[in-house]
């Protein structure tokens, strides 16, 4: 006798998750930060609300930085991820005679965002999963550089800000340069980012010179290839990116049957198109930041935050009131005990000599044991992958590429 049993299959639905990203856009006044932000985030049919970037004060940034932030979101239906992407605009530097005021303002902003996330992690009564909480930490700094000339103040700003967040240099208004000028300037900026050789400023010995490479974010070759950058820049170096941005849009393409957001700059002698790869790197940059490099930027942010968190908590432990009080009371108690027991200086010296003698004997013993074990093979420290192989398992494969059709 034979029979079959139909076992019902339970299909589990993958839950939707949130993924947050934040970019900090920095540059001198009038370099085109707000216009670049609009071209990066705008899509056909969307109403991207931007502030008036012509008058962004330090006071406004301190009191309400969120009012200078532009947000765009989309759904990745393939992986069920809801992306929330923010670009934080900042006041243009250069108006203040002391450039360090502007640098400290942005360094403190990045630090403050990390502290907000740390407070959420340490809050045992928050009652909500952090995966659903908006992440305020900064992933990357888009640093806008003016065309034709890279100033020492720009190198100083990038070097100091790069200590807290990686830099992605972008040359704005690049249509003001000829083809030859643009290629030469790209190589010059790349060379100075690798080897600034910035001397110590006069009257500011505390700052010191800059000789080491600036902390520029390095994308993987596979990420650059998917964004189309390796094919279009085979004989050139990126970053820096040379971009054209504009508030003017081609209305014929925007009002067509298949609307296309196509910013352009019209001149009496022709048209400079922001998304034309022959005119600008903006299309590749947009594809890189909003699609291909999202996971890479997020992973780098988590690794950077982990190091910051470890150092911050260690500093808090060493400067805690209890530890400081203990450091004050211990010498007092030790002096009191010595005075009561008559433990004189000669006995203290003898005790120190006895301990030093035991330490020397211990070192000799360890050296003899090391010589006896000299023929043993060197063992590498165990990693997650080596542990998996020892247990008969294969290491975890990297996640598949994101398939995102929400914007492009």
Protein backbone atom coordinates (compact mmCIF):
# COMPACT_ATOMS: atom_id res chain seq x y z
CA UNK A 1 0.00 0.00 0.00
CA UNK A 2 1.30 3.43 -0.83
CA UNK A 3 -0.10 6.84 -0.17
CA UNK A 4 0.96 10.45 -0.51
CA UNK A 5 0.59 13.26 1.95
CA UNK A 6 0.41 16.86 0.86
CA UNK A 7 2.49 18.94 3.25
CA UNK A 8 1.56 22.60 3.13
CA UNK A 9 4.48 24.86 2.30
CA UNK A 10 4.92 27.98 4.37
CA UNK A 11 6.21 30.91 2.36
CA UNK A 12 7.85 33.49 4.58
CA UNK A 13 7.75 37.03 3.29
CA UNK A 14 10.91 39.05 3.56
CA UNK A 15 10.21 42.15 5.64
CA UNK A 16 10.96 45.60 4.35
CA UNK A 17 13.98 47.33 5.88
CA UNK A 18 15.18 50.91 5.94
CA UNK A 19 18.57 52.11 4.77
CA UNK A 20 19.72 55.63 5.55
CA UNK A 21 22.56 57.58 3.99
CA UNK A 22 23.78 61.14 4.51
CA UNK A 23 26.26 63.18 2.50
CA UNK A 24 27.86 66.43 3.67
CA UNK A 25 28.43 68.94 0.87
CA UNK A 26 31.18 71.48 1.58
CA UNK A 27 32.82 74.28 -0.40
CA UNK A 28 33.62 77.96 -0.51
CA UNK A 29 30.88 80.53 -1.01
CA UNK A 30 29.47 80.70 -4.56
CA UNK A 31 31.07 77.46 -5.76
CA UNK A 32 27.68 75.91 -6.64
CA UNK A 33 26.92 73.51 -3.76
CA UNK A 34 23.13 73.97 -3.78
CA UNK A 35 22.89 73.62 -7.57
CA UNK A 36 24.96 70.43 -7.44
CA UNK A 37 22.66 69.07 -4.74
CA UNK A 38 19.60 69.71 -6.91
CA UNK A 39 21.11 67.97 -9.94
CA UNK A 40 22.15 64.96 -7.86
CA UNK A 41 18.77 64.33 -6.26
CA UNK A 42 16.11 65.60 -8.69
CA UNK A 43 14.06 63.14 -10.76
CA UNK A 44 11.17 63.70 -13.22
CA UNK A 45 7.86 64.23 -11.47
CA UNK A 46 9.41 64.91 -8.05
CA UNK A 47 9.20 68.16 -6.18
CA UNK A 48 12.58 68.46 -4.50
CA UNK A 49 12.45 71.29 -2.00
CA UNK A 50 15.76 73.13 -1.63
CA UNK A 51 16.63 76.12 0.50
CA UNK A 52 17.96 79.34 -0.97
CA UNK A 53 21.67 78.66 -0.99
CA UNK A 54 22.63 82.28 -1.67
CA UNK A 55 22.56 83.18 2.04
CA UNK A 56 23.46 80.29 4.33
CA UNK A 57 24.73 81.60 7.65
CA UNK A 58 26.75 79.80 10.30
CA UNK A 59 24.06 80.68 12.83
CA UNK A 60 21.35 78.97 10.77
CA UNK A 61 23.51 75.86 10.44
CA UNK A 62 24.09 75.76 14.21
CA UNK A 63 20.45 76.33 15.17
CA UNK A 64 18.69 74.25 12.51
CA UNK A 65 20.98 72.24 10.23
CA UNK A 66 18.00 70.14 9.15
CA UNK A 67 16.55 73.15 7.31
CA UNK A 68 19.57 72.97 4.96
CA UNK A 69 19.10 69.26 4.30
CA UNK A 70 17.58 67.85 1.08
CA UNK A 71 16.01 64.37 1.13
CA UNK A 72 15.04 61.86 -1.54
CA UNK A 73 13.74 58.33 -0.99
CA UNK A 74 12.99 55.31 -3.15
CA UNK A 75 11.99 51.65 -2.79
CA UNK A 76 14.25 48.82 -3.89
CA UNK A 77 11.53 46.24 -4.56
CA UNK A 78 14.00 43.48 -5.45
CA UNK A 79 15.65 43.49 -2.00
CA UNK A 80 12.76 45.18 -0.16
CA UNK A 81 14.86 48.08 1.04
CA UNK A 82 13.48 51.57 1.48
CA UNK A 83 16.33 54.02 0.89
CA UNK A 84 16.32 57.44 2.53
CA UNK A 85 19.09 59.63 1.11
CA UNK A 86 20.02 63.03 2.53
CA UNK A 87 22.43 65.72 1.40
CA UNK A 88 23.34 68.19 4.13
CA UNK A 89 24.24 71.60 2.75
CA UNK A 90 26.67 73.78 4.72
CA UNK A 91 27.65 77.46 4.88
CA UNK A 92 30.31 78.44 2.35
CA UNK A 93 33.71 79.04 3.86
CA UNK A 94 36.00 81.93 3.02
CA UNK A 95 33.90 84.80 4.40
CA UNK A 96 35.39 84.30 7.87
CA UNK A 97 39.03 85.44 8.06
CA UNK A 98 39.83 82.54 10.40
CA UNK A 99 39.26 79.42 8.30
CA UNK A 100 39.54 77.19 11.38
CA UNK A 101 36.18 78.51 12.61
CA UNK A 102 34.48 76.93 9.58
CA UNK A 103 36.53 73.72 9.91
CA UNK A 104 35.68 73.29 13.59
CA UNK A 105 32.01 73.97 12.85
CA UNK A 106 31.81 71.00 10.48
CA UNK A 107 34.05 68.72 12.58
CA UNK A 108 31.77 69.32 15.55
CA UNK A 109 28.72 68.60 13.38
CA UNK A 110 30.09 65.18 12.35
CA UNK A 111 31.04 64.46 15.97
CA UNK A 112 27.58 65.50 17.16
CA UNK A 113 25.86 63.10 14.74
CA UNK A 114 28.02 60.23 16.05
CA UNK A 115 27.12 61.14 19.63
CA UNK A 116 23.40 61.13 18.77
CA UNK A 117 23.71 57.57 17.42
CA UNK A 118 25.80 56.49 20.42
CA UNK A 119 23.15 57.82 22.80
CA UNK A 120 20.52 55.77 20.94
CA UNK A 121 22.67 52.65 21.23
CA UNK A 122 23.24 53.18 24.96
CA UNK A 123 19.56 53.90 25.70
CA UNK A 124 18.23 50.65 27.15
CA UNK A 125 14.68 51.98 27.30
CA UNK A 126 14.37 53.14 23.71
CA UNK A 127 11.86 50.35 22.90
CA UNK A 128 12.51 50.38 19.15
CA UNK A 129 14.83 48.57 16.78
CA UNK A 130 17.70 50.78 15.60
CA UNK A 131 17.20 49.41 12.09
CA UNK A 132 14.01 51.50 11.90
CA UNK A 133 15.59 54.66 13.35
CA UNK A 134 16.91 57.35 11.03
CA UNK A 135 20.69 57.20 11.04
CA UNK A 136 22.15 60.73 11.44
CA UNK A 137 25.81 59.70 10.89
CA UNK A 138 27.64 61.15 7.88
CA UNK A 139 28.74 58.69 5.17
CA UNK A 140 30.83 60.98 2.97
CA UNK A 141 31.83 64.59 2.38
CA UNK A 142 31.39 65.98 -1.14
CA UNK A 143 34.02 68.70 -1.27
CA UNK A 144 33.42 71.25 -4.03
CA UNK A 145 36.52 72.85 -5.56
CA UNK A 146 36.51 75.83 -7.88
CA UNK A 147 37.84 75.43 -11.40
CA UNK A 148 41.31 76.49 -12.58
CA UNK A 149 43.00 76.86 -9.19
CA UNK A 150 43.29 74.67 -6.09
CA UNK A 151 44.08 77.02 -3.21
CA UNK A 152 46.11 76.15 -0.09
CA UNK A 153 43.03 76.94 2.01
CA UNK A 154 41.12 74.20 0.13
CA UNK A 155 43.85 71.66 0.89
CA UNK A 156 43.89 72.72 4.55
CA UNK A 157 40.12 72.37 4.79
CA UNK A 158 40.09 68.92 3.19
CA UNK A 159 42.98 67.70 5.33
CA UNK A 160 41.38 68.79 8.61
CA UNK A 161 37.85 67.66 7.75
CA UNK A 162 39.22 64.36 6.41
CA UNK A 163 40.21 63.47 9.97
CA UNK A 164 36.55 62.82 10.83
CA UNK A 165 34.94 61.89 7.48
CA UNK A 166 36.37 60.78 4.09
CA UNK A 167 36.48 63.35 1.29
CA UNK A 168 35.24 63.09 -2.31
CA UNK A 169 36.65 66.08 -4.27
CA UNK A 170 34.42 67.55 -7.00
CA UNK A 171 35.42 70.36 -9.36
CA UNK A 172 32.30 72.42 -10.07
CA UNK A 173 31.63 74.72 -13.04
CA UNK A 174 34.10 72.70 -15.09
CA UNK A 175 32.57 73.99 -18.34
CA UNK A 176 34.61 77.14 -17.74
CA UNK A 177 37.73 75.15 -18.73
CA UNK A 178 38.80 73.93 -22.14
CA UNK A 179 39.38 70.22 -22.76
CA UNK A 180 43.14 70.61 -22.32
CA UNK A 181 42.75 72.78 -19.20
CA UNK A 182 40.32 70.30 -17.65
CA UNK A 183 42.64 67.31 -18.20
CA UNK A 184 45.64 69.21 -16.81
CA UNK A 185 43.71 70.47 -13.78
CA UNK A 186 42.35 67.00 -13.01
CA UNK A 187 45.89 65.62 -12.84
CA UNK A 188 47.07 68.58 -10.75
CA UNK A 189 44.31 68.16 -8.16
CA UNK A 190 44.89 64.41 -7.98
CA UNK A 191 48.64 64.94 -7.44
CA UNK A 192 48.13 67.52 -4.69
CA UNK A 193 45.61 65.30 -2.90
CA UNK A 194 48.20 62.53 -2.75
CA UNK A 195 51.09 64.83 -1.82
CA UNK A 196 49.86 68.22 -0.54
CA UNK A 197 53.25 69.52 0.69
CA UNK A 198 51.51 72.41 2.43
CA UNK A 199 53.95 74.43 4.58
CA UNK A 200 53.20 75.62 8.09
CA UNK A 201 51.09 78.81 7.91
CA UNK A 202 52.77 81.95 9.21
CA UNK A 203 51.65 82.89 12.69
CA UNK A 204 49.82 79.56 13.20
CA UNK A 205 52.44 77.13 14.41
CA UNK A 206 49.74 75.05 16.12
CA UNK A 207 48.35 74.00 12.72
CA UNK A 208 51.60 72.66 11.30
CA UNK A 209 52.23 71.72 7.69
CA UNK A 210 50.52 68.98 5.66
CA UNK A 211 52.66 66.38 3.94
CA UNK A 212 50.65 63.15 4.13
CA UNK A 213 47.88 62.25 1.67
CA UNK A 214 44.41 63.64 2.28
CA UNK A 215 41.75 61.14 3.34
CA UNK A 216 39.99 60.70 -0.02
CA UNK A 217 37.40 57.90 -0.23
CA UNK A 218 38.63 55.12 -2.51
CA UNK A 219 35.97 53.16 -4.38
CA UNK A 220 36.55 49.58 -5.44
CA UNK A 221 37.36 49.04 -9.10
CA UNK A 222 34.23 46.94 -9.56
CA UNK A 223 32.08 49.78 -8.23
CA UNK A 224 33.70 52.30 -10.56
CA UNK A 225 33.29 49.94 -13.50
CA UNK A 226 29.56 49.45 -12.83
CA UNK A 227 29.18 53.24 -12.68
CA UNK A 228 30.87 53.51 -16.10
CA UNK A 229 33.88 55.44 -14.81
CA UNK A 230 36.67 53.07 -15.78
CA UNK A 231 35.58 53.00 -19.41
CA UNK A 232 35.18 56.78 -19.77
CA UNK A 233 38.37 57.69 -17.86
CA UNK A 234 40.85 55.07 -18.99
CA UNK A 235 43.71 57.59 -19.25
CA UNK A 236 42.54 59.94 -16.47
CA UNK A 237 42.27 59.82 -12.69
CA UNK A 238 39.08 59.97 -10.65
CA UNK A 239 38.51 61.45 -8.21
CA UNK A 240 38.43 64.38 -8.63
CA UNK A 241 35.19 64.53 -10.57
CA UNK A 242 34.68 67.40 -13.02
CA UNK A 243 31.00 68.32 -13.15
CA UNK A 244 28.60 70.77 -14.70
CA UNK A 245 25.41 71.57 -12.77
CA UNK A 246 22.54 73.88 -13.65
CA UNK A 247 19.17 75.07 -12.41
CA UNK A 248 17.95 75.23 -16.04
CA UNK A 249 16.37 72.07 -17.44
CA UNK A 250 15.64 71.03 -21.03
CA UNK A 251 11.85 71.45 -21.08
CA UNK A 252 11.35 69.43 -24.27
CA UNK A 253 12.82 66.32 -22.63
CA UNK A 254 11.04 66.99 -19.34
CA UNK A 255 7.62 67.38 -21.03
CA UNK A 256 8.05 64.44 -23.42
CA UNK A 257 6.21 61.13 -23.34
CA UNK A 258 8.99 59.62 -21.23
CA UNK A 259 10.06 62.55 -19.01
CA UNK A 260 13.80 62.95 -18.56
CA UNK A 261 15.45 65.31 -16.07
CA UNK A 262 18.19 66.91 -18.18
CA UNK A 263 19.91 70.01 -16.70
CA UNK A 264 21.90 72.14 -19.11
CA UNK A 265 23.64 75.48 -19.43
CA UNK A 266 22.98 77.50 -22.59
CA UNK A 267 25.57 79.88 -24.01
CA UNK A 268 25.62 81.98 -27.20
CA UNK A 269 28.09 79.46 -28.68
CA UNK A 270 26.35 76.24 -27.59
CA UNK A 271 24.90 74.11 -24.80
CA UNK A 272 26.73 72.40 -21.94
CA UNK A 273 24.75 69.35 -20.80
CA UNK A 274 25.22 68.26 -17.17
CA UNK A 275 24.40 64.58 -17.83
CA UNK A 276 26.33 64.28 -21.07
CA UNK A 277 29.46 62.17 -20.23
CA UNK A 278 31.44 64.13 -22.83
CA UNK A 279 30.68 67.37 -20.99
CA UNK A 280 30.58 66.34 -17.33
CA UNK A 281 31.11 63.49 -14.82
CA UNK A 282 27.81 64.26 -13.10
CA UNK A 283 25.83 61.32 -14.52
CA UNK A 284 28.52 58.85 -13.45
CA UNK A 285 28.79 60.52 -10.04
CA UNK A 286 25.03 60.33 -9.55
CA UNK A 287 24.98 56.67 -10.54
CA UNK A 288 27.87 55.97 -8.20
CA UNK A 289 26.46 57.72 -5.12
CA UNK A 290 22.79 56.80 -5.48
CA UNK A 291 23.15 53.21 -6.67
CA UNK A 292 26.42 51.38 -7.09
CA UNK A 293 28.35 52.56 -4.02
CA UNK A 294 25.54 52.73 -1.44
CA UNK A 295 26.50 49.50 0.33
CA UNK A 296 30.21 50.30 0.11
CA UNK A 297 29.74 53.70 1.72
CA UNK A 298 27.52 52.25 4.43
CA UNK A 299 30.04 49.54 5.32
CA UNK A 300 32.86 52.10 5.53
CA UNK A 301 30.72 54.31 7.77
CA UNK A 302 30.02 51.45 10.19
CA UNK A 303 33.72 50.53 10.38
CA UNK A 304 34.69 54.16 10.96
CA UNK A 305 32.03 54.60 13.64
CA UNK A 306 33.14 51.43 15.43
CA UNK A 307 36.64 52.86 15.84
CA UNK A 308 35.26 56.21 17.00
CA UNK A 309 32.94 54.49 19.47
CA UNK A 310 35.75 52.41 20.96
CA UNK A 311 37.95 55.47 21.49
CA UNK A 312 35.09 57.55 22.89
CA UNK A 313 34.00 54.94 25.43
CA UNK A 314 37.61 54.31 26.48
CA UNK A 315 38.08 58.05 27.05
CA UNK A 316 34.89 58.19 29.10
CA UNK A 317 36.08 55.32 31.29
CA UNK A 318 39.43 56.99 31.95
CA UNK A 319 37.84 60.33 32.78
CA UNK A 320 34.92 58.99 34.84
CA UNK A 321 34.42 60.70 38.27
CA UNK A 322 34.84 57.38 40.11
CA UNK A 323 38.20 56.66 38.51
CA UNK A 324 39.44 60.20 39.11
CA UNK A 325 38.35 60.04 42.77
CA UNK A 326 40.12 56.70 43.15
CA UNK A 327 43.30 58.18 41.73
CA UNK A 328 43.20 60.90 44.36
CA UNK A 329 42.31 58.71 47.34
CA UNK A 330 44.74 55.84 46.72
CA UNK A 331 47.93 57.85 47.33
CA UNK A 332 46.41 59.34 50.48
CA UNK A 333 45.41 55.92 51.82
CA UNK A 334 48.81 54.47 50.94
CA UNK A 335 50.56 57.27 52.84
CA UNK A 336 48.27 56.73 55.81
CA UNK A 337 49.01 52.99 55.92
CA UNK A 338 52.78 53.54 55.62
CA UNK A 339 52.68 56.06 58.45
CA UNK A 340 50.69 53.75 60.72
CA UNK A 341 52.73 50.59 60.05
CA UNK A 342 56.16 52.25 60.03
CA UNK A 343 56.92 50.90 56.55
CA UNK A 344 60.02 53.04 56.04
CA UNK A 345 61.88 54.00 52.90
CA UNK A 346 64.51 51.26 53.32
CA UNK A 347 61.86 48.54 53.40
CA UNK A 348 60.15 50.08 50.36
CA UNK A 349 63.44 49.97 48.40
CA UNK A 350 64.02 46.37 49.44
CA UNK A 351 60.50 45.38 48.32
CA UNK A 352 61.04 47.04 44.94
CA UNK A 353 64.37 45.24 44.48
CA UNK A 354 62.76 41.89 45.33
CA UNK A 355 60.02 42.41 42.75
CA UNK A 356 62.53 43.50 40.08
CA UNK A 357 64.61 40.38 40.74
CA UNK A 358 61.54 38.14 40.30
CA UNK A 359 60.64 39.90 37.03
CA UNK A 360 64.15 39.27 35.66
CA UNK A 361 63.95 35.60 36.60
CA UNK A 362 60.56 35.37 34.87
CA UNK A 363 61.98 36.89 31.65
CA UNK A 364 64.86 34.37 31.65
CA UNK A 365 62.41 31.49 32.09
CA UNK A 366 60.21 32.71 29.23
CA UNK A 367 63.25 33.11 26.93
CA UNK A 368 64.36 29.54 27.65
CA UNK A 369 60.88 28.23 26.87
CA UNK A 370 60.76 30.18 23.61
CA UNK A 371 64.11 28.67 22.55
CA UNK A 372 62.82 25.19 23.31
CA UNK A 373 59.77 25.79 21.14
CA UNK A 374 61.75 27.42 18.31
CA UNK A 375 61.07 24.56 15.90
CA UNK A 376 57.31 24.95 16.14
CA UNK A 377 55.62 26.34 13.07
CA UNK A 378 54.16 29.82 13.23
CA UNK A 379 50.39 29.78 13.55
CA UNK A 380 48.32 32.49 11.98
CA UNK A 381 45.59 34.07 14.11
CA UNK A 382 42.22 32.51 13.52
CA UNK A 383 39.80 34.49 11.40
CA UNK A 384 36.12 34.01 10.70
CA UNK A 385 36.89 32.33 7.35
CA UNK A 386 39.55 29.99 8.78
CA UNK A 387 37.16 28.96 11.56
CA UNK A 388 34.49 28.16 8.98
CA UNK A 389 36.91 25.97 7.02
CA UNK A 390 38.00 24.17 10.20
CA UNK A 391 34.39 23.33 10.93
CA UNK A 392 33.80 22.11 7.37
CA UNK A 393 31.82 25.13 6.23
CA UNK A 394 32.46 27.56 3.42
CA UNK A 395 32.97 31.27 4.17
CA UNK A 396 30.01 33.53 3.55
CA UNK A 397 29.79 34.83 -0.02
CA UNK A 398 29.57 38.60 -0.55
CA UNK A 399 26.04 39.93 -1.08
CA UNK A 400 24.82 40.13 -4.67
CA UNK A 401 24.79 43.42 -6.51
CA UNK A 402 21.85 45.70 -5.86
CA UNK A 403 19.32 45.92 -8.62
CA UNK A 404 17.80 49.34 -8.35
CA UNK A 405 15.51 50.87 -10.92
CA UNK A 406 13.90 53.55 -8.82
CA UNK A 407 15.80 56.54 -10.20
CA UNK A 408 17.81 55.54 -13.27
